């Protein structure tokens, strides 16, 4: 059975697919979104994992969601409400010291650790913010795309390159040097040169390794640190927050926005194959054998998954296929959600307080993070892991019964594939016990307070959400997989090697995180091709 009458079919109802769908429908195209799972949202979903306890299953916190997308899709009108953490980050150390950041807290907390670091913190964050302000201008536009020959696409990309140059012209020479360092250097190197105290370095260093299976001393890790500085909540830059109802509240609001403009969303509709005719993508075949034909196909899936599992190999240029097979995945993360019968009490800062609404980072030094990565490479997971814990029920009483709580544990440096070749299924509980014990060492009694837990290894993240190797970014944020090289030189403009095929997921610029930007930008490319001067009906 073949269905027709659709302008665009989008593979995957994650937040980027829904964003792309909404923009296309707002501009008059007929859009169909097909989703393998039984719920919209991809990795940004809220589910009950134990009776009475709900939490964000995979993606777990808000900051990078672009404010223009929130406004354009009127997400607040569709029920989205985002609140700030009362404190931003809390880093306890084994010696009983701690760092607590947030408005009115950060400088005083750093001064207790090292007075000179407080001044350095102000200077360093101001420099990062200057760079982030400039790079924010690139988030909702395609990067310059390298193309062969001379023609309409080459002309278009020449104008794009000029626009990029004009934006960068706003940076001083010193800022341009810093930008180069941030794209190429290690975060550890920069932080060691700037700060004295381990906890201050760790505050920034965590952002360099979160979702990044690498040492903080790996070249390019400074960019991952910068990538996490782009965010804002309710107009306040650099702030992290929580969506009331969990991350699923974001994608439910997006789905309402999309369907309000006529988008059709089909759940339980996995894609088996992209239909290719005469070097053009013309639709998809679903797992049940039905086909949906469309003028354009947009894929909100990992590029490697798209081109090695869904697109027939003989339809692709051999050099493209060979290179996309080398697309590097694996962010080295394990996700846990736990139901608690009591709030934890940390040795470094006992009792209840605003610090329990913060991102609680157990990674007291850059050396600790480096050892965790080295250990994971040898053993498969770190014996002293990096853990960020959030307790969203301190901000949102919809998530747990009265007097009880839910916590997210985002655990870093577990190998995407175990070095001895065994399956993650054989080690899930062992590693989950270790993660809980790691928190318990800083907050005695935490382990005893755990009523239930949901554990997602890298293998589970791949099976459940299509995150190859558990990669939350749909591909590592390395220099050869960023900007004009995401997902590949020549295809940074959201257009694949086949006519009519587009990339609207995190494997396209600007990369991972719950931003909505790849979906927004891919929609612009589709609309330009459908209506514009340089490629009508591409």
Protein backbone atom coordinates (compact mmCIF):
# COMPACT_ATOMS: atom_id res chain seq x y z
CA UNK A 1 0.00 0.00 0.00
CA UNK A 2 1.37 3.41 -0.99
CA UNK A 3 0.26 6.72 0.50
CA UNK A 4 0.63 9.98 -1.41
CA UNK A 5 -0.31 13.63 -0.96
CA UNK A 6 2.58 14.56 1.34
CA UNK A 7 5.13 17.24 0.56
CA UNK A 8 7.62 16.26 3.27
CA UNK A 9 8.00 13.06 5.28
CA UNK A 10 10.17 13.41 8.38
CA UNK A 11 11.85 10.37 9.93
CA UNK A 12 11.73 10.69 13.71
CA UNK A 13 9.53 12.72 16.05
CA UNK A 14 12.32 13.91 18.29
CA UNK A 15 12.49 17.59 19.12
CA UNK A 16 14.36 18.50 15.93
CA UNK A 17 11.97 16.55 13.73
CA UNK A 18 9.00 18.24 15.37
CA UNK A 19 10.63 21.66 15.02
CA UNK A 20 11.32 21.06 11.34
CA UNK A 21 7.75 19.83 10.80
CA UNK A 22 6.20 22.84 12.52
CA UNK A 23 8.18 25.39 10.47
CA UNK A 24 7.40 23.62 7.20
CA UNK A 25 3.69 23.40 7.99
CA UNK A 26 3.62 27.04 9.10
CA UNK A 27 4.83 27.83 5.59
CA UNK A 28 2.14 25.85 3.84
CA UNK A 29 3.72 22.45 3.17
CA UNK A 30 1.93 19.19 3.90
CA UNK A 31 4.04 17.33 6.44
CA UNK A 32 3.98 13.78 7.80
CA UNK A 33 6.21 12.73 10.71
CA UNK A 34 6.81 9.01 11.26
CA UNK A 35 8.11 7.78 14.60
CA UNK A 36 9.21 4.25 15.54
CA UNK A 37 8.32 4.60 19.23
CA UNK A 38 4.83 4.96 20.65
CA UNK A 39 5.41 8.49 21.91
CA UNK A 40 6.76 11.71 20.41
CA UNK A 41 9.91 13.29 21.72
CA UNK A 42 12.81 11.01 20.86
CA UNK A 43 15.29 11.31 23.73
CA UNK A 44 13.40 14.32 25.18
CA UNK A 45 10.56 12.43 26.87
CA UNK A 46 9.03 12.13 30.33
CA UNK A 47 7.87 8.69 31.43
CA UNK A 48 6.78 6.93 34.59
CA UNK A 49 9.59 4.53 35.49
CA UNK A 50 8.12 3.39 38.83
CA UNK A 51 4.52 3.73 40.06
CA UNK A 52 4.01 7.39 40.97
CA UNK A 53 7.51 8.45 39.87
CA UNK A 54 8.06 10.24 36.55
CA UNK A 55 11.21 11.74 35.12
CA UNK A 56 12.96 12.85 31.96
CA UNK A 57 14.19 9.54 30.63
CA UNK A 58 17.24 10.56 28.59
CA UNK A 59 17.72 14.31 27.96
CA UNK A 60 17.25 15.86 31.37
CA UNK A 61 17.84 19.62 31.58
CA UNK A 62 17.07 22.84 29.68
CA UNK A 63 19.30 25.67 28.52
CA UNK A 64 20.21 25.22 24.87
CA UNK A 65 16.63 25.33 23.51
CA UNK A 66 16.74 28.32 21.20
CA UNK A 67 14.57 31.29 22.30
CA UNK A 68 13.56 32.11 18.71
CA UNK A 69 12.15 28.61 18.30
CA UNK A 70 10.28 28.89 21.59
CA UNK A 71 8.74 32.15 20.35
CA UNK A 72 8.05 31.11 16.76
CA UNK A 73 6.33 27.88 17.78
CA UNK A 74 4.59 29.66 20.68
CA UNK A 75 5.62 26.83 22.98
CA UNK A 76 4.55 28.70 26.11
CA UNK A 77 1.05 29.01 24.65
CA UNK A 78 1.14 25.24 24.17
CA UNK A 79 1.85 24.61 27.84
CA UNK A 80 5.63 24.84 28.18
CA UNK A 81 6.91 26.39 31.40
CA UNK A 82 10.61 26.52 32.25
CA UNK A 83 11.95 27.44 35.69
CA UNK A 84 15.53 28.23 36.67
CA UNK A 85 17.49 26.13 39.10
CA UNK A 86 17.70 27.94 42.43
CA UNK A 87 21.44 27.28 42.35
CA UNK A 88 23.29 26.38 39.18
CA UNK A 89 26.01 23.86 40.09
CA UNK A 90 27.21 22.17 43.26
CA UNK A 91 30.56 20.38 43.32
CA UNK A 92 31.37 18.55 46.58
CA UNK A 93 34.95 17.38 47.20
CA UNK A 94 36.12 14.41 49.28
CA UNK A 95 37.90 16.73 51.74
CA UNK A 96 34.61 18.42 52.68
CA UNK A 97 35.08 21.56 50.60
CA UNK A 98 32.60 22.50 47.90
CA UNK A 99 31.81 24.97 45.15
CA UNK A 100 28.29 26.35 44.75
CA UNK A 101 27.43 28.56 41.79
CA UNK A 102 24.49 30.72 40.85
CA UNK A 103 23.40 34.32 41.01
CA UNK A 104 24.86 35.97 44.09
CA UNK A 105 26.74 32.80 45.07
CA UNK A 106 29.56 32.06 42.67
CA UNK A 107 32.14 34.68 43.57
CA UNK A 108 31.80 34.21 47.33
CA UNK A 109 32.04 30.44 46.96
CA UNK A 110 35.17 30.65 44.81
CA UNK A 111 36.80 33.16 47.17
CA UNK A 112 36.55 30.61 49.98
CA UNK A 113 38.59 28.22 47.83
CA UNK A 114 41.06 30.62 46.22
CA UNK A 115 40.69 34.40 46.28
CA UNK A 116 42.65 35.02 43.06
CA UNK A 117 40.48 32.52 41.18
CA UNK A 118 37.43 34.71 41.80
CA UNK A 119 38.88 37.51 39.66
CA UNK A 120 40.07 35.02 37.07
CA UNK A 121 36.57 33.51 36.98
CA UNK A 122 35.00 36.87 36.11
CA UNK A 123 37.54 37.46 33.35
CA UNK A 124 37.33 33.92 31.92
CA UNK A 125 33.54 33.81 31.84
CA UNK A 126 33.41 37.26 30.25
CA UNK A 127 35.71 36.04 27.45
CA UNK A 128 33.67 32.88 26.97
CA UNK A 129 30.48 34.95 26.83
CA UNK A 130 31.96 37.24 24.18
CA UNK A 131 32.77 34.24 21.98
CA UNK A 132 29.43 32.59 22.75
CA UNK A 133 27.55 35.78 21.78
CA UNK A 134 29.21 35.78 18.37
CA UNK A 135 28.74 32.04 17.81
CA UNK A 136 25.08 32.28 18.79
CA UNK A 137 24.65 34.13 15.50
CA UNK A 138 25.72 30.95 13.68
CA UNK A 139 23.29 28.63 15.47
CA UNK A 140 20.25 29.41 13.31
CA UNK A 141 22.03 29.65 9.98
CA UNK A 142 23.76 27.09 7.78
CA UNK A 143 27.56 27.20 7.88
CA UNK A 144 29.46 27.82 4.63
CA UNK A 145 29.21 24.69 2.50
CA UNK A 146 32.03 23.59 0.23
CA UNK A 147 30.80 22.63 -3.24
CA UNK A 148 32.47 21.54 -6.47
CA UNK A 149 32.49 23.66 -9.58
CA UNK A 150 30.67 26.91 -10.28
CA UNK A 151 26.92 27.31 -10.39
CA UNK A 152 23.90 28.36 -8.41
CA UNK A 153 24.98 26.50 -5.24
CA UNK A 154 28.49 27.94 -5.44
CA UNK A 155 27.08 31.46 -5.76
CA UNK A 156 24.79 30.89 -2.79
CA UNK A 157 27.65 29.56 -0.67
CA UNK A 158 29.86 32.52 -1.61
CA UNK A 159 27.26 34.87 -0.13
CA UNK A 160 26.99 32.60 2.93
CA UNK A 161 30.77 32.72 3.42
CA UNK A 162 30.69 36.53 3.22
CA UNK A 163 27.98 36.60 5.88
CA UNK A 164 30.09 34.36 8.10
CA UNK A 165 33.11 36.62 7.66
CA UNK A 166 31.04 39.67 8.58
CA UNK A 167 29.94 38.03 11.82
CA UNK A 168 33.50 37.06 12.77
CA UNK A 169 34.63 40.60 11.99
CA UNK A 170 32.92 41.59 15.22
CA UNK A 171 35.66 39.83 17.20
CA UNK A 172 38.88 41.59 18.14
CA UNK A 173 42.15 39.92 17.16
CA UNK A 174 42.58 38.67 20.73
CA UNK A 175 39.08 37.21 20.65
CA UNK A 176 39.82 35.51 17.32
CA UNK A 177 42.89 33.93 18.88
CA UNK A 178 40.75 32.71 21.76
CA UNK A 179 38.20 31.33 19.30
CA UNK A 180 40.94 29.36 17.55
CA UNK A 181 42.11 27.98 20.90
CA UNK A 182 38.57 26.98 21.84
CA UNK A 183 38.16 25.03 18.61
CA UNK A 184 41.51 23.26 18.76
CA UNK A 185 42.91 23.10 22.31
CA UNK A 186 42.09 20.96 25.28
CA UNK A 187 39.89 22.36 28.01
CA UNK A 188 42.33 21.03 30.60
CA UNK A 189 45.21 22.97 29.11
CA UNK A 190 43.22 26.22 29.09
CA UNK A 191 41.87 25.71 32.60
CA UNK A 192 45.25 24.81 34.09
CA UNK A 193 46.64 28.01 32.60
CA UNK A 194 43.80 30.06 34.09
CA UNK A 195 42.80 28.73 37.52
CA UNK A 196 44.55 27.40 40.60
CA UNK A 197 41.87 25.45 42.48
CA UNK A 198 40.76 22.00 41.33
CA UNK A 199 37.04 22.58 41.92
CA UNK A 200 37.01 25.76 39.84
CA UNK A 201 38.73 23.93 37.00
CA UNK A 202 36.30 21.03 37.40
CA UNK A 203 33.30 23.36 37.10
CA UNK A 204 34.29 24.15 33.51
CA UNK A 205 35.98 20.83 32.84
CA UNK A 206 32.77 18.90 33.35
CA UNK A 207 31.18 20.78 30.45
CA UNK A 208 34.14 19.69 28.31
CA UNK A 209 33.54 15.97 28.88
CA UNK A 210 29.78 15.73 29.32
CA UNK A 211 28.58 13.61 26.42
CA UNK A 212 32.17 13.60 25.16
CA UNK A 213 34.01 10.29 25.56
CA UNK A 214 37.40 11.91 26.03
CA UNK A 215 39.78 13.26 28.60
CA UNK A 216 39.48 16.96 29.45
CA UNK A 217 43.04 17.07 28.12
CA UNK A 218 41.99 15.85 24.67
CA UNK A 219 42.45 18.32 21.82
CA UNK A 220 39.14 19.91 20.90
CA UNK A 221 37.51 19.36 24.30
CA UNK A 222 37.55 23.13 24.82
CA UNK A 223 34.93 23.44 22.07
CA UNK A 224 32.62 21.02 23.88
CA UNK A 225 32.99 23.28 26.93
CA UNK A 226 32.07 26.27 24.76
CA UNK A 227 29.12 24.41 23.19
CA UNK A 228 27.50 24.22 26.62
CA UNK A 229 27.91 27.98 27.13
CA UNK A 230 25.42 28.91 24.37
CA UNK A 231 22.35 28.46 26.48
CA UNK A 232 19.85 30.66 28.24
CA UNK A 233 16.64 30.28 30.21
CA UNK A 234 13.84 32.83 30.11
CA UNK A 235 16.16 35.43 28.60
CA UNK A 236 19.02 34.90 31.05
CA UNK A 237 22.22 33.73 29.38
CA UNK A 238 24.33 30.94 30.81
CA UNK A 239 21.52 29.68 33.03
CA UNK A 240 20.21 26.11 33.28
CA UNK A 241 16.64 25.22 34.09
CA UNK A 242 13.91 22.62 34.25
CA UNK A 243 10.80 22.17 32.13
CA UNK A 244 7.83 21.63 34.44
CA UNK A 245 6.67 18.11 33.70
CA UNK A 246 10.11 17.09 32.48
CA UNK A 247 11.71 17.21 29.05
CA UNK A 248 8.64 15.59 27.55
CA UNK A 249 6.81 18.86 28.22
CA UNK A 250 9.01 20.47 25.55
CA UNK A 251 8.28 17.91 22.87
CA UNK A 252 4.59 17.64 23.76
CA UNK A 253 4.33 21.42 23.28
CA UNK A 254 6.19 21.09 19.97
CA UNK A 255 3.83 18.34 18.85
CA UNK A 256 0.82 20.50 19.68
CA UNK A 257 2.36 23.39 17.74
CA UNK A 258 3.04 21.15 14.74
CA UNK A 259 -0.35 19.44 14.65
CA UNK A 260 -2.01 22.82 15.10
CA UNK A 261 -0.57 23.74 11.71
CA UNK A 262 -1.74 20.51 10.11
CA UNK A 263 1.23 18.18 10.64
CA UNK A 264 0.27 14.50 10.76
CA UNK A 265 2.27 12.43 13.28
CA UNK A 266 2.27 8.64 13.00
CA UNK A 267 3.52 6.70 16.03
CA UNK A 268 4.64 3.09 15.99
CA UNK A 269 5.77 3.73 12.42
CA UNK A 270 9.43 2.82 12.12
CA UNK A 271 11.18 3.33 8.80
CA UNK A 272 12.69 0.34 7.04
CA UNK A 273 14.05 2.09 3.97
CA UNK A 274 14.26 5.42 2.16
CA UNK A 275 12.82 5.08 -1.34
CA UNK A 276 15.28 6.27 -4.00
CA UNK A 277 14.37 6.70 -7.65
CA UNK A 278 16.70 8.22 -10.24
CA UNK A 279 19.10 9.57 -7.59
CA UNK A 280 16.27 11.22 -5.67
CA UNK A 281 14.65 10.39 -2.31
CA UNK A 282 10.91 10.12 -2.96
CA UNK A 283 9.56 8.64 0.27
CA UNK A 284 9.97 5.92 2.87
CA UNK A 285 8.95 2.32 3.42
CA UNK A 286 7.70 1.61 6.94
CA UNK A 287 8.44 -1.52 8.96
CA UNK A 288 4.94 -2.83 8.23
CA UNK A 289 5.50 -2.56 4.47
CA UNK A 290 3.47 0.60 3.83
CA UNK A 291 5.15 3.27 1.78
CA UNK A 292 4.73 7.04 2.03
CA UNK A 293 5.73 9.02 -1.01
CA UNK A 294 6.75 12.68 -0.74
CA UNK A 295 8.59 15.43 -2.59
CA UNK A 296 11.16 15.64 0.20
CA UNK A 297 12.49 13.37 2.97
CA UNK A 298 14.05 14.84 6.13
CA UNK A 299 15.89 12.57 8.55
CA UNK A 300 16.04 13.31 12.27
CA UNK A 301 18.35 10.36 12.91
CA UNK A 302 22.07 9.86 13.27
CA UNK A 303 23.68 10.32 9.81
CA UNK A 304 25.52 7.01 10.08
CA UNK A 305 22.26 5.22 10.88
CA UNK A 306 20.54 6.95 7.96
CA UNK A 307 23.13 6.09 5.34
CA UNK A 308 24.20 2.63 6.50
CA UNK A 309 20.78 1.22 7.46
CA UNK A 310 18.00 3.14 5.70
CA UNK A 311 19.36 4.32 2.35
CA UNK A 312 20.25 1.59 -0.18
CA UNK A 313 24.03 1.43 -0.46
CA UNK A 314 23.94 1.30 -4.25
CA UNK A 315 22.12 4.65 -4.31
CA UNK A 316 25.04 6.48 -2.67
CA UNK A 317 28.35 7.68 -4.11
CA UNK A 318 31.03 5.25 -2.93
CA UNK A 319 33.34 7.94 -1.42
CA UNK A 320 30.44 9.41 0.56
CA UNK A 321 29.40 6.00 1.92
CA UNK A 322 32.96 5.11 2.85
CA UNK A 323 33.40 8.36 4.78
CA UNK A 324 30.03 8.27 6.57
CA UNK A 325 30.86 4.78 7.80
CA UNK A 326 33.74 6.44 9.67
CA UNK A 327 31.40 8.94 11.39
CA UNK A 328 32.52 8.80 15.00
CA UNK A 329 29.89 8.08 17.63
CA UNK A 330 29.92 7.20 21.28
CA UNK A 331 29.55 9.81 24.00
CA UNK A 332 30.43 7.42 26.81
CA UNK A 333 27.32 8.00 28.90
CA UNK A 334 25.01 5.94 31.07
CA UNK A 335 21.67 7.37 32.23
CA UNK A 336 19.86 6.45 35.41
CA UNK A 337 16.62 7.61 36.95
CA UNK A 338 16.05 6.78 40.60
CA UNK A 339 13.04 7.04 42.89
CA UNK A 340 13.97 8.29 46.37
CA UNK A 341 12.17 8.15 49.68
CA UNK A 342 14.26 11.06 51.01
CA UNK A 343 16.51 13.83 49.80
CA UNK A 344 20.26 13.19 50.01
CA UNK A 345 22.41 14.95 52.57
CA UNK A 346 25.95 15.72 51.44
CA UNK A 347 28.86 15.60 53.85
CA UNK A 348 30.25 18.82 52.35
CA UNK A 349 26.94 20.69 52.79
CA UNK A 350 24.49 18.73 54.94
CA UNK A 351 20.72 18.97 54.89
CA UNK A 352 18.21 20.49 52.51
CA UNK A 353 18.92 23.65 50.58
CA UNK A 354 19.14 25.31 47.18
CA UNK A 355 22.22 23.24 46.33
CA UNK A 356 19.90 20.24 45.89
CA UNK A 357 18.19 22.01 42.97
CA UNK A 358 21.54 22.43 41.22
CA UNK A 359 23.49 20.20 38.89
CA UNK A 360 25.40 18.15 41.48
CA UNK A 361 28.72 17.24 39.87
CA UNK A 362 30.83 14.48 41.34
CA UNK A 363 34.13 15.08 39.58
CA UNK A 364 36.38 17.10 41.90
CA UNK A 365 39.32 17.67 39.55
CA UNK A 366 40.51 17.49 35.96
CA UNK A 367 42.84 14.64 36.97
CA UNK A 368 39.84 12.74 38.32
CA UNK A 369 38.09 13.15 34.95
CA UNK A 370 41.21 12.11 33.04
CA UNK A 371 41.66 8.98 35.16
CA UNK A 372 37.98 8.15 34.67
CA UNK A 373 38.42 8.21 30.90
CA UNK A 374 41.66 6.22 30.96
CA UNK A 375 40.03 3.64 33.21
CA UNK A 376 36.99 3.34 30.95
CA UNK A 377 39.16 2.77 27.89
CA UNK A 378 40.95 -0.10 29.62
CA UNK A 379 38.15 -1.64 31.65
CA UNK A 380 34.91 -0.51 30.00
CA UNK A 381 33.83 1.83 32.74
CA UNK A 382 35.53 3.98 35.33
CA UNK A 383 35.90 2.58 38.84
CA UNK A 384 35.69 6.20 40.06
CA UNK A 385 33.12 7.59 37.62
CA UNK A 386 32.02 11.11 36.82
CA UNK A 387 28.39 11.61 37.83
CA UNK A 388 26.09 14.60 37.50
CA UNK A 389 22.94 14.28 39.59
CA UNK A 390 19.85 16.43 39.28
CA UNK A 391 16.87 16.22 41.62
CA UNK A 392 14.15 17.86 39.50
CA UNK A 393 11.44 17.15 42.05
CA UNK A 394 12.96 19.96 44.14
CA UNK A 395 11.63 22.28 41.43
CA UNK A 396 8.64 20.29 40.16
CA UNK A 397 6.22 18.50 42.48
CA UNK A 398 4.51 16.81 39.50
CA UNK A 399 7.24 14.18 39.29
CA UNK A 400 6.96 12.27 42.57
CA UNK A 401 4.53 11.59 45.43
CA UNK A 402 4.52 14.09 48.27
CA UNK A 403 7.60 13.78 50.44
CA UNK A 404 9.46 11.68 47.87
CA UNK A 405 11.74 12.58 45.00
CA UNK A 406 13.23 11.58 41.68
CA UNK A 407 16.83 12.05 40.62
CA UNK A 408 18.62 11.87 37.28
CA UNK A 409 22.14 10.44 37.23
CA UNK A 410 24.08 11.32 34.11
CA UNK A 411 27.16 9.13 34.33
CA UNK A 412 30.23 9.79 32.20
CA UNK A 413 32.99 7.59 30.91
CA UNK A 414 31.46 4.24 30.22
CA UNK A 415 32.69 2.70 26.97
CA UNK A 416 30.18 2.68 24.08
CA UNK A 417 31.35 -0.86 23.33
CA UNK A 418 33.04 -2.89 26.05
CA UNK A 419 36.70 -3.66 25.28
CA UNK A 420 36.35 -7.38 26.03
CA UNK A 421 33.48 -7.70 23.55
CA UNK A 422 30.82 -8.59 26.13
CA UNK A 423 27.37 -7.03 26.06
CA UNK A 424 26.31 -4.16 28.27
CA UNK A 425 23.32 -6.31 29.21
CA UNK A 426 25.68 -8.46 31.30
CA UNK A 427 27.03 -5.51 33.29
CA UNK A 428 24.08 -3.12 33.64
CA UNK A 429 23.35 -3.76 37.33
CA UNK A 430 26.99 -3.93 38.35
CA UNK A 431 27.72 -0.52 36.90
CA UNK A 432 24.45 0.95 38.20
CA UNK A 433 25.44 -0.17 41.71
CA UNK A 434 28.79 1.59 41.26
CA UNK A 435 27.14 4.86 40.20
CA UNK A 436 24.85 4.84 43.24
CA UNK A 437 27.78 3.98 45.52
CA UNK A 438 29.74 6.91 44.06
CA UNK A 439 26.99 9.33 45.09
CA UNK A 440 26.66 7.59 48.46
CA UNK A 441 30.32 8.27 49.26
CA UNK A 442 29.53 11.99 49.12
CA UNK A 443 26.01 11.72 50.57
CA UNK A 444 25.93 8.79 53.02
CA UNK A 445 22.52 7.15 53.09
CA UNK A 446 21.75 7.91 49.46
CA UNK A 447 21.95 4.27 48.42
CA UNK A 448 19.51 3.25 51.16
CA UNK A 449 17.04 5.91 49.99
CA UNK A 450 16.74 4.44 46.47
CA UNK A 451 13.34 2.81 46.06
CA UNK A 452 13.64 1.95 42.37
CA UNK A 453 15.86 2.70 39.41
CA UNK A 454 15.82 2.80 35.63
CA UNK A 455 19.19 2.13 33.98
CA UNK A 456 20.07 2.94 30.38
CA UNK A 457 23.50 1.77 29.23
CA UNK A 458 24.96 2.97 25.91
CA UNK A 459 23.43 -0.13 24.33
CA UNK A 460 20.00 0.69 25.79
CA UNK A 461 20.25 4.26 24.52
CA UNK A 462 20.99 2.90 21.05
CA UNK A 463 18.17 0.35 21.10
CA UNK A 464 15.56 2.60 22.65
CA UNK A 465 16.35 5.95 21.02
CA UNK A 466 18.56 5.20 18.00
CA UNK A 467 21.56 6.88 19.66
CA UNK A 468 24.37 4.89 18.05
CA UNK A 469 26.91 3.96 20.69
CA UNK A 470 24.73 5.84 23.16
CA UNK A 471 25.86 9.08 21.50
CA UNK A 472 23.63 11.89 22.75
CA UNK A 473 25.01 14.27 20.09
CA UNK A 474 24.37 12.03 17.02
CA UNK A 475 28.12 12.20 16.40
CA UNK A 476 31.14 13.45 18.32
CA UNK A 477 31.70 17.22 18.47
CA UNK A 478 35.25 16.99 17.09
CA UNK A 479 36.82 19.48 14.71
CA UNK A 480 36.36 17.16 11.72
CA UNK A 481 32.67 16.78 12.59
CA UNK A 482 31.75 20.42 13.30
CA UNK A 483 30.43 23.44 11.42
CA UNK A 484 31.12 23.03 7.68
CA UNK A 485 32.20 19.42 8.31
CA UNK A 486 28.96 18.36 10.01
CA UNK A 487 28.12 15.76 8.87
CA UNK A 488 30.64 16.09 6.04
CA UNK A 489 32.31 18.74 3.90
CA UNK A 490 29.98 19.38 0.98
CA UNK A 491 26.84 18.55 2.97
CA UNK A 492 26.80 21.13 5.74
CA UNK A 493 23.77 22.84 4.16
CA UNK A 494 21.36 20.17 5.50
CA UNK A 495 21.18 18.56 2.03
CA UNK A 496 22.28 14.97 1.57
CA UNK A 497 24.00 13.48 -1.49
CA UNK A 498 20.63 12.49 -2.95
CA UNK A 499 18.22 15.10 -4.24
CA UNK A 500 15.25 15.60 -1.97
CA UNK A 501 17.02 14.19 1.13
CA UNK A 502 17.76 16.47 4.11
CA UNK A 503 19.40 16.22 7.54
CA UNK A 504 17.32 17.78 10.33
CA UNK A 505 18.82 16.09 13.39
CA UNK A 506 21.73 16.72 15.75
CA UNK A 507 24.14 15.16 13.24
CA UNK A 508 23.83 18.46 11.36
CA UNK A 509 25.07 21.90 12.47
CA UNK A 510 25.14 23.09 15.23
CA UNK A 511 25.14 19.63 16.79
CA UNK A 512 23.72 18.04 19.90
CA UNK A 513 21.69 19.19 22.84
CA UNK A 514 18.00 20.05 22.97
CA UNK A 515 18.30 23.13 20.77
CA UNK A 516 15.80 22.73 17.92
CA UNK A 517 18.36 24.50 15.69
CA UNK A 518 19.07 21.69 13.19
CA UNK A 519 15.32 21.26 12.66
CA UNK A 520 14.84 24.99 12.18
CA UNK A 521 17.74 25.24 9.72
CA UNK A 522 16.78 22.16 7.73
CA UNK A 523 13.26 23.55 7.31
CA UNK A 524 14.78 26.75 5.90
CA UNK A 525 16.80 24.70 3.38
CA UNK A 526 13.73 22.71 2.28
CA UNK A 527 11.64 25.85 1.89
CA UNK A 528 14.41 27.54 -0.08
CA UNK A 529 14.60 24.55 -2.44
CA UNK A 530 10.84 24.36 -2.79
CA UNK A 531 10.35 28.02 -3.55
CA UNK A 532 13.64 29.79 -3.98
CA UNK A 533 15.66 31.12 -6.85
CA UNK A 534 18.57 28.70 -6.44
CA UNK A 535 16.98 25.30 -6.53
CA UNK A 536 13.27 25.17 -6.99
CA UNK A 537 12.12 21.57 -6.67
CA UNK A 538 15.70 20.42 -6.02
